[in-house]
PDB file of N, CA and C in Angstrom:
ATOM      1  N   MET A   1      60.047 -77.488 123.571  1.00  0.00           N
ATOM      2  CA  MET A   1      59.577 -76.830 122.337  1.00  0.00           C
ATOM      3  C   MET A   1      58.615 -77.648 121.795  1.00  0.00           C
ATOM      4  N   SER A   2      57.253 -77.099 121.381  1.00  0.00           N
ATOM      5  CA  SER A   2      56.356 -78.085 120.800  1.00  0.00           C
ATOM      6  C   SER A   2      56.536 -78.158 119.277  1.00  0.00           C
ATOM      7  N   PRO A   3      56.130 -79.032 118.738  1.00  0.00           N
ATOM      8  CA  PRO A   3      56.159 -79.362 117.230  1.00  0.00           C
ATOM      9  C   PRO A   3      55.404 -78.349 116.443  1.00  0.00           C
ATOM     10  N   ILE A   4      55.629 -78.045 115.241  1.00  0.00           N
ATOM     11  CA  ILE A   4      54.931 -77.103 114.380  1.00  0.00           C
ATOM     12  C   ILE A   4      53.670 -77.886 113.973  1.00  0.00           C
ATOM     13  N   PRO A   5      52.626 -77.381 114.289  1.00  0.00           N
ATOM     14  CA  PRO A   5      51.433 -78.048 113.812  1.00  0.00           C
ATOM     15  C   PRO A   5      51.247 -77.985 112.320  1.00  0.00           C
ATOM     16  N   GLN A   6      50.758 -79.262 111.774  1.00  0.00           N
ATOM     17  CA  GLN A   6      50.484 -79.363 110.415  1.00  0.00           C
ATOM     18  C   GLN A   6      49.262 -78.918 110.088  1.00  0.00           C
ATOM     19  N   SER A   7      49.222 -78.293 108.846  1.00  0.00           N
ATOM     20  CA  SER A   7      48.080 -77.585 108.458  1.00  0.00           C
ATOM     21  C   SER A   7      47.225 -78.726 107.576  1.00  0.00           C
ATOM     22  N   PRO A   8      45.774 -78.611 107.564  1.00  0.00           N
ATOM     23  CA  PRO A   8      45.093 -79.462 107.048  1.00  0.00           C
ATOM     24  C   PRO A   8      45.380 -79.627 105.419  1.00  0.00           C
ATOM     25  N   GLU A   9      44.894 -80.705 104.947  1.00  0.00           N
ATOM     26  CA  GLU A   9      45.145 -80.907 103.417  1.00  0.00           C
ATOM     27  C   GLU A   9      44.606 -79.842 102.602  1.00  0.00           C
ATOM     28  N   GLY A  10      45.162 -79.143 101.753  1.00  0.00           N
ATOM     29  CA  GLY A  10      44.395 -78.271 100.815  1.00  0.00           C
ATOM     30  C   GLY A  10      44.435 -76.811 101.217  1.00  0.00           C
ATOM     31  N   GLU A  11      44.855 -76.528 102.478  1.00  0.00           N
ATOM     32  CA  GLU A  11      44.867 -75.286 102.948  1.00  0.00           C
ATOM     33  C   GLU A  11      45.798 -74.274 102.263  1.00  0.00           C
ATOM     34  N   LEU A  12      47.053 -74.720 101.999  1.00  0.00           N
ATOM     35  CA  LEU A  12      47.966 -74.169 101.237  1.00  0.00           C
ATOM     36  C   LEU A  12      47.384 -73.662  99.905  1.00  0.00           C
ATOM     37  N   GLU A  13      46.660 -74.551  99.190  1.00  0.00           N
ATOM     38  CA  GLU A  13      46.086 -74.195  97.951  1.00  0.00           C
ATOM     39  C   GLU A  13      45.049 -73.337  98.002  1.00  0.00           C
ATOM     40  N   ARG A  14      44.149 -73.355  99.027  1.00  0.00           N
ATOM     41  CA  ARG A  14      43.241 -72.333  99.293  1.00  0.00           C
ATOM     42  C   ARG A  14      43.641 -70.961  99.504  1.00  0.00           C
ATOM     43  N   ALA A  15      44.762 -70.960 100.457  1.00  0.00           N
ATOM     44  CA  ALA A  15      45.468 -69.632 100.488  1.00  0.00           C
ATOM     45  C   ALA A  15      46.031 -69.044  99.268  1.00  0.00           C
ATOM     46  N   GLU A  16      46.545 -69.903  98.510  1.00  0.00           N
ATOM     47  CA  GLU A  16      47.261 -69.428  97.140  1.00  0.00           C
ATOM     48  C   GLU A  16      46.012 -68.920  96.338  1.00  0.00           C
ATOM     49  N   ALA A  17      44.923 -69.543  96.347  1.00  0.00           N
ATOM     50  CA  ALA A  17      43.820 -69.227  95.371  1.00  0.00           C
ATOM     51  C   ALA A  17      43.181 -67.845  95.965  1.00  0.00           C
ATOM     52  N   ASP A  18      43.223 -67.738  97.188  1.00  0.00           N
ATOM     53  CA  ASP A  18      42.789 -66.365  97.898  1.00  0.00           C
ATOM     54  C   ASP A  18      43.768 -65.202  97.484  1.00  0.00           C
ATOM     55  N   ALA A  19      44.882 -65.576  97.694  1.00  0.00           N
ATOM     56  CA  ALA A  19      45.923 -64.566  97.488  1.00  0.00           C
ATOM     57  C   ALA A  19      45.664 -64.068  96.022  1.00  0.00           C
ATOM     58  N   ALA A  20      45.692 -65.062  95.143  1.00  0.00           N
ATOM     59  CA  ALA A  20      45.488 -64.790  93.633  1.00  0.00           C
ATOM     60  C   ALA A  20      44.295 -63.981  93.356  1.00  0.00           C
ATOM     61  N   ALA A  21      43.211 -64.357  94.093  1.00  0.00           N
ATOM     62  CA  ALA A  21      41.987 -63.476  93.837  1.00  0.00           C
ATOM     63  C   ALA A  21      42.063 -62.229  94.323  1.00  0.00           C
ATOM     64  N   LEU A  22      42.670 -61.954  95.458  1.00  0.00           N
ATOM     65  CA  LEU A  22      43.076 -60.509  96.005  1.00  0.00           C
ATOM     66  C   LEU A  22      43.953 -59.851  95.066  1.00  0.00           C
ATOM     67  N   ILE A  23      44.762 -60.330  94.424  1.00  0.00           N
ATOM     68  CA  ILE A  23      45.766 -59.748  93.581  1.00  0.00           C
ATOM     69  C   ILE A  23      45.009 -59.263  92.327  1.00  0.00           C
ATOM     70  N   GLU A  24      44.075 -60.109  91.842  1.00  0.00           N
ATOM     71  CA  GLU A  24      43.331 -59.753  90.628  1.00  0.00           C
ATOM     72  C   GLU A  24      42.393 -58.495  91.154  1.00  0.00           C
ATOM     73  N   LYS A  25      41.746 -58.684  92.228  1.00  0.00           N
ATOM     74  CA  LYS A  25      40.971 -57.614  92.743  1.00  0.00           C
ATOM     75  C   LYS A  25      41.581 -56.298  92.865  1.00  0.00           C
ATOM     76  N   GLY A  26      42.868 -56.258  93.299  1.00  0.00           N
ATOM     77  CA  GLY A  26      43.493 -54.996  93.516  1.00  0.00           C
ATOM     78  C   GLY A  26      44.019 -54.504  92.079  1.00  0.00           C
ATOM     79  N   LYS A  27      44.280 -55.317  91.047  1.00  0.00           N
ATOM     80  CA  LYS A  27      44.498 -54.885  89.800  1.00  0.00           C
ATOM     81  C   LYS A  27      43.331 -54.240  89.134  1.00  0.00           C
ATOM     82  N   ARG A  28      42.156 -54.797  89.385  1.00  0.00           N
ATOM     83  CA  ARG A  28      40.963 -54.248  88.784  1.00  0.00           C
ATOM     84  C   ARG A  28      40.622 -52.890  89.502  1.00  0.00           C
ATOM     85  N   TRP A  29      40.980 -52.858  90.728  1.00  0.00           N
ATOM     86  CA  TRP A  29      40.460 -51.501  91.610  1.00  0.00           C
ATOM     87  C   TRP A  29      41.579 -50.478  91.073  1.00  0.00           C
ATOM     88  N   PHE A  30      42.784 -50.805  90.781  1.00  0.00           N
ATOM     89  CA  PHE A  30      43.672 -49.909  90.332  1.00  0.00           C
ATOM     90  C   PHE A  30      43.510 -49.256  88.957  1.00  0.00           C
ATOM     91  N   ALA A  31      42.977 -50.287  88.204  1.00  0.00           N
ATOM     92  CA  ALA A  31      42.571 -49.833  86.767  1.00  0.00           C
ATOM     93  C   ALA A  31      41.452 -49.003  86.836  1.00  0.00           C
ATOM     94  N   GLU A  32      40.368 -49.147  87.560  1.00  0.00           N
ATOM     95  CA  GLU A  32      39.170 -48.404  87.682  1.00  0.00           C
ATOM     96  C   GLU A  32      39.739 -46.916  88.267  1.00  0.00           C
ATOM     97  N   ALA A  33      40.571 -47.034  89.210  1.00  0.00           N
ATOM     98  CA  ALA A  33      40.994 -45.804  89.860  1.00  0.00           C
ATOM     99  C   ALA A  33      41.632 -44.859  88.850  1.00  0.00           C
ATOM    100  N   ARG A  34      42.637 -45.527  87.940  1.00  0.00           N
ATOM    101  CA  ARG A  34      43.330 -44.707  86.811  1.00  0.00           C
ATOM    102  C   ARG A  34      42.297 -44.306  85.880  1.00  0.00           C
ATOM    103  N   GLU A  35      41.213 -44.810  85.692  1.00  0.00           N
ATOM    104  CA  GLU A  35      40.216 -44.370  84.677  1.00  0.00           C
ATOM    105  C   GLU A  35      39.426 -43.330  85.311  1.00  0.00           C
ATOM    106  N   GLN A  36      39.103 -43.528  86.585  1.00  0.00           N
ATOM    107  CA  GLN A  36      38.534 -42.193  87.293  1.00  0.00           C
ATOM    108  C   GLN A  36      39.241 -40.996  87.375  1.00  0.00           C
ATOM    109  N   THR A  37      40.626 -41.176  87.571  1.00  0.00           N
ATOM    110  CA  THR A  37      41.620 -40.117  87.633  1.00  0.00           C
ATOM    111  C   THR A  37      41.668 -39.302  86.408  1.00  0.00           C
ATOM    112  N   LYS A  38      41.748 -40.369  85.131  1.00  0.00           N
ATOM    113  CA  LYS A  38      41.711 -39.670  83.834  1.00  0.00           C
ATOM    114  C   LYS A  38      40.365 -38.941  83.538  1.00  0.00           C
ATOM    115  N   ARG A  39      39.280 -39.396  83.934  1.00  0.00           N
ATOM    116  CA  ARG A  39      37.967 -38.654  83.702  1.00  0.00           C
ATOM    117  C   ARG A  39      37.895 -37.252  84.426  1.00  0.00           C
ATOM    118  N   ASP A  40      38.444 -37.390  85.843  1.00  0.00           N
ATOM    119  CA  ASP A  40      38.500 -36.397  86.695  1.00  0.00           C
ATOM    120  C   ASP A  40      39.467 -35.157  86.207  1.00  0.00           C
ATOM    121  N   ASP A  41      40.577 -35.614  85.648  1.00  0.00           N
ATOM    122  CA  ASP A  41      41.548 -34.628  84.858  1.00  0.00           C
ATOM    123  C   ASP A  41      40.883 -34.037  83.630  1.00  0.00           C
ATOM    124  N   GLU A  42      40.264 -34.909  83.020  1.00  0.00           N
ATOM    125  CA  GLU A  42      39.392 -34.302  81.826  1.00  0.00           C
ATOM    126  C   GLU A  42      38.444 -33.315  82.103  1.00  0.00           C
ATOM    127  N   ASP A  43      37.689 -33.687  83.171  1.00  0.00           N
ATOM    128  CA  ASP A  43      36.725 -32.517  83.752  1.00  0.00           C
ATOM    129  C   ASP A  43      37.416 -31.411  84.146  1.00  0.00           C
ATOM    130  N   ILE A  44      38.497 -31.446  84.971  1.00  0.00           N
ATOM    131  CA  ILE A  44      39.035 -30.165  85.462  1.00  0.00           C
ATOM    132  C   ILE A  44      39.525 -29.240  84.321  1.00  0.00           C
ATOM    133  N   ALA A  45      40.107 -29.953  83.192  1.00  0.00           N
ATOM    134  CA  ALA A  45      40.805 -29.465  82.132  1.00  0.00           C
ATOM    135  C   ALA A  45      39.618 -28.689  81.312  1.00  0.00           C
ATOM    136  N   ALA A  46      38.516 -29.315  81.206  1.00  0.00           N
ATOM    137  CA  ALA A  46      37.176 -28.709  80.473  1.00  0.00           C
ATOM    138  C   ALA A  46      36.844 -27.498  81.386  1.00  0.00           C
ATOM    139  N   TRP A  47      36.637 -27.490  82.485  1.00  0.00           N
ATOM    140  CA  TRP A  47      36.203 -26.578  83.654  1.00  0.00           C
ATOM    141  C   TRP A  47      36.993 -25.484  83.346  1.00  0.00           C
ATOM    142  N   ARG A  48      38.359 -25.543  83.285  1.00  0.00           N
ATOM    143  CA  ARG A  48      39.438 -24.575  83.204  1.00  0.00           C
ATOM    144  C   ARG A  48      39.358 -23.832  81.733  1.00  0.00           C
ATOM    145  N   ARG A  49      39.097 -24.612  80.633  1.00  0.00           N
ATOM    146  CA  ARG A  49      38.899 -24.167  79.403  1.00  0.00           C
ATOM    147  C   ARG A  49      37.659 -23.365  79.318  1.00  0.00           C
ATOM    148  N   ARG A  50      36.529 -23.630  79.835  1.00  0.00           N
ATOM    149  CA  ARG A  50      35.349 -22.874  79.837  1.00  0.00           C
ATOM    150  C   ARG A  50      35.559 -21.432  80.694  1.00  0.00           C
ATOM    151  N   HIS A  51      36.291 -21.593  81.747  1.00  0.00           N
ATOM    152  CA  HIS A  51      36.513 -20.335  82.645  1.00  0.00           C
ATOM    153  C   HIS A  51      37.668 -19.485  82.201  1.00  0.00           C
ATOM    154  N   ALA A  52      38.473 -19.992  81.387  1.00  0.00           N
ATOM    155  CA  ALA A  52      39.796 -19.240  81.013  1.00  0.00           C
ATOM    156  C   ALA A  52      39.369 -18.314  79.890  1.00  0.00           C
ATOM    157  N   GLY A  53      38.155 -18.374  79.434  1.00  0.00           N
ATOM    158  CA  GLY A  53      37.904 -17.459  78.241  1.00  0.00           C
ATOM    159  C   GLY A  53      37.587 -16.008  78.706  1.00  0.00           C
ATOM    160  N   GLY A  54      37.313 -15.712  80.156  1.00  0.00           N
ATOM    161  CA  GLY A  54      37.446 -14.406  80.474  1.00  0.00           C
ATOM    162  C   GLY A  54      35.946 -14.008  80.900  1.00  0.00           C
ATOM    163  N   TYR A  55      35.000 -14.772  80.629  1.00  0.00           N
ATOM    164  CA  TYR A  55      33.597 -14.346  80.862  1.00  0.00           C
ATOM    165  C   TYR A  55      32.732 -15.685  81.474  1.00  0.00           C
ATOM    166  N   ASN A  56      31.954 -15.242  82.552  1.00  0.00           N
ATOM    167  CA  ASN A  56      31.103 -16.225  83.018  1.00  0.00           C
ATOM    168  C   ASN A  56      29.890 -16.394  82.154  1.00  0.00           C
ATOM    169  N   GLU A  57      28.878 -17.385  82.502  1.00  0.00           N
ATOM    170  CA  GLU A  57      27.779 -17.658  81.436  1.00  0.00           C
ATOM    171  C   GLU A  57      26.852 -16.653  81.492  1.00  0.00           C
ATOM    172  N   ASP A  58      26.933 -15.732  82.444  1.00  0.00           N
ATOM    173  CA  ASP A  58      26.031 -14.599  82.517  1.00  0.00           C
ATOM    174  C   ASP A  58      26.429 -13.336  81.744  1.00  0.00           C
ATOM    175  N   GLY A  59      27.755 -13.523  81.218  1.00  0.00           N
ATOM    176  CA  GLY A  59      28.292 -12.451  80.449  1.00  0.00           C
ATOM    177  C   GLY A  59      29.142 -11.495  81.157  1.00  0.00           C
ATOM    178  N   THR A  60      29.190 -11.731  82.570  1.00  0.00           N
ATOM    179  CA  THR A  60      30.125 -10.792  83.449  1.00  0.00           C
ATOM    180  C   THR A  60      31.492 -11.240  83.217  1.00  0.00           C
ATOM    181  N   ARG A  61      32.394 -10.236  83.629  1.00  0.00           N
ATOM    182  CA  ARG A  61      33.885 -10.843  83.522  1.00  0.00           C
ATOM    183  C   ARG A  61      34.278 -11.697  84.578  1.00  0.00           C
ATOM    184  N   ALA A  62      34.823 -12.844  84.038  1.00  0.00           N
ATOM    185  CA  ALA A  62      35.174 -13.908  85.170  1.00  0.00           C
ATOM    186  C   ALA A  62      36.829 -13.466  85.537  1.00  0.00           C
ATOM    187  N   SER A  63      37.044 -13.924  86.852  1.00  0.00           N
ATOM    188  CA  SER A  63      38.293 -13.753  87.344  1.00  0.00           C
ATOM    189  C   SER A  63      38.858 -15.099  87.787  1.00  0.00           C
ATOM    190  N   PHE A  64      39.710 -15.741  86.981  1.00  0.00           N
ATOM    191  CA  PHE A  64      40.389 -17.090  87.362  1.00  0.00           C
ATOM    192  C   PHE A  64      41.699 -16.898  87.994  1.00  0.00           C
ATOM    193  N   THR A  65      41.933 -17.338  89.076  1.00  0.00           N
ATOM    194  CA  THR A  65      43.154 -17.105  89.738  1.00  0.00           C
ATOM    195  C   THR A  65      43.996 -18.250  89.964  1.00  0.00           C
ATOM    196  N   GLY A  66      43.422 -19.516  89.443  1.00  0.00           N
ATOM    197  CA  GLY A  66      44.232 -20.683  89.431  1.00  0.00           C
ATOM    198  C   GLY A  66      43.522 -21.690  90.707  1.00  0.00           C
ATOM    199  N   GLU A  67      44.248 -22.412  91.362  1.00  0.00           N
ATOM    200  CA  GLU A  67      43.765 -23.518  92.120  1.00  0.00           C
ATOM    201  C   GLU A  67      42.870 -22.958  93.317  1.00  0.00           C
ATOM    202  N   SER A  68      42.993 -21.733  93.820  1.00  0.00           N
ATOM    203  CA  SER A  68      42.278 -21.421  94.966  1.00  0.00           C
ATOM    204  C   SER A  68      40.832 -21.227  94.526  1.00  0.00           C
ATOM    205  N   ASP A  69      40.508 -20.978  93.412  1.00  0.00           N
ATOM    206  CA  ASP A  69      39.022 -21.071  92.776  1.00  0.00           C
ATOM    207  C   ASP A  69      38.348 -22.521  92.941  1.00  0.00           C
ATOM    208  N   VAL A  70      39.185 -23.505  92.972  1.00  0.00           N
ATOM    209  CA  VAL A  70      38.734 -24.853  92.945  1.00  0.00           C
ATOM    210  C   VAL A  70      38.231 -25.143  94.286  1.00  0.00           C
ATOM    211  N   GLY A  71      37.214 -25.667  94.407  1.00  0.00           N
ATOM    212  CA  GLY A  71      36.581 -26.450  95.647  1.00  0.00           C
ATOM    213  C   GLY A  71      35.973 -25.262  96.551  1.00  0.00           C
ATOM    214  N   GLY A  72      35.891 -24.254  96.197  1.00  0.00           N
ATOM    215  CA  GLY A  72      35.246 -23.278  97.287  1.00  0.00           C
ATOM    216  C   GLY A  72      36.304 -22.517  98.258  1.00  0.00           C
ATOM    217  N   GLY A  73      37.571 -22.837  98.004  1.00  0.00           N
ATOM    218  CA  GLY A  73      38.641 -22.168  98.891  1.00  0.00           C
ATOM    219  C   GLY A  73      39.093 -20.873  98.247  1.00  0.00           C
ATOM    220  N   GLY A  74      39.831 -20.219  98.912  1.00  0.00           N
ATOM    221  CA  GLY A  74      40.357 -18.998  98.246  1.00  0.00           C
ATOM    222  C   GLY A  74      41.348 -18.203  99.376  1.00  0.00           C
ATOM    223  N   ASN A  75      41.848 -17.089  98.897  1.00  0.00           N
ATOM    224  CA  ASN A  75      42.644 -16.433  99.700  1.00  0.00           C
ATOM    225  C   ASN A  75      42.011 -15.138 100.430  1.00  0.00           C
TER     226      ASN A  75
END
């Protein structure tokens, strides 16, 4: 069995620093994703409030049936 190779001096410290940087990057990414989700939820709620009044912008009667109206899908 061959001996375990020894790593160069400072490699462990560099690896720890890289790991810490990745952890911080991940924390920032998740914080940004939470903020974007919050903005998206607010946009959806505003859209639903606008369309729940019963009338479209042109004055015609609106029909809001729920999630099937979102994204162009439907039944």
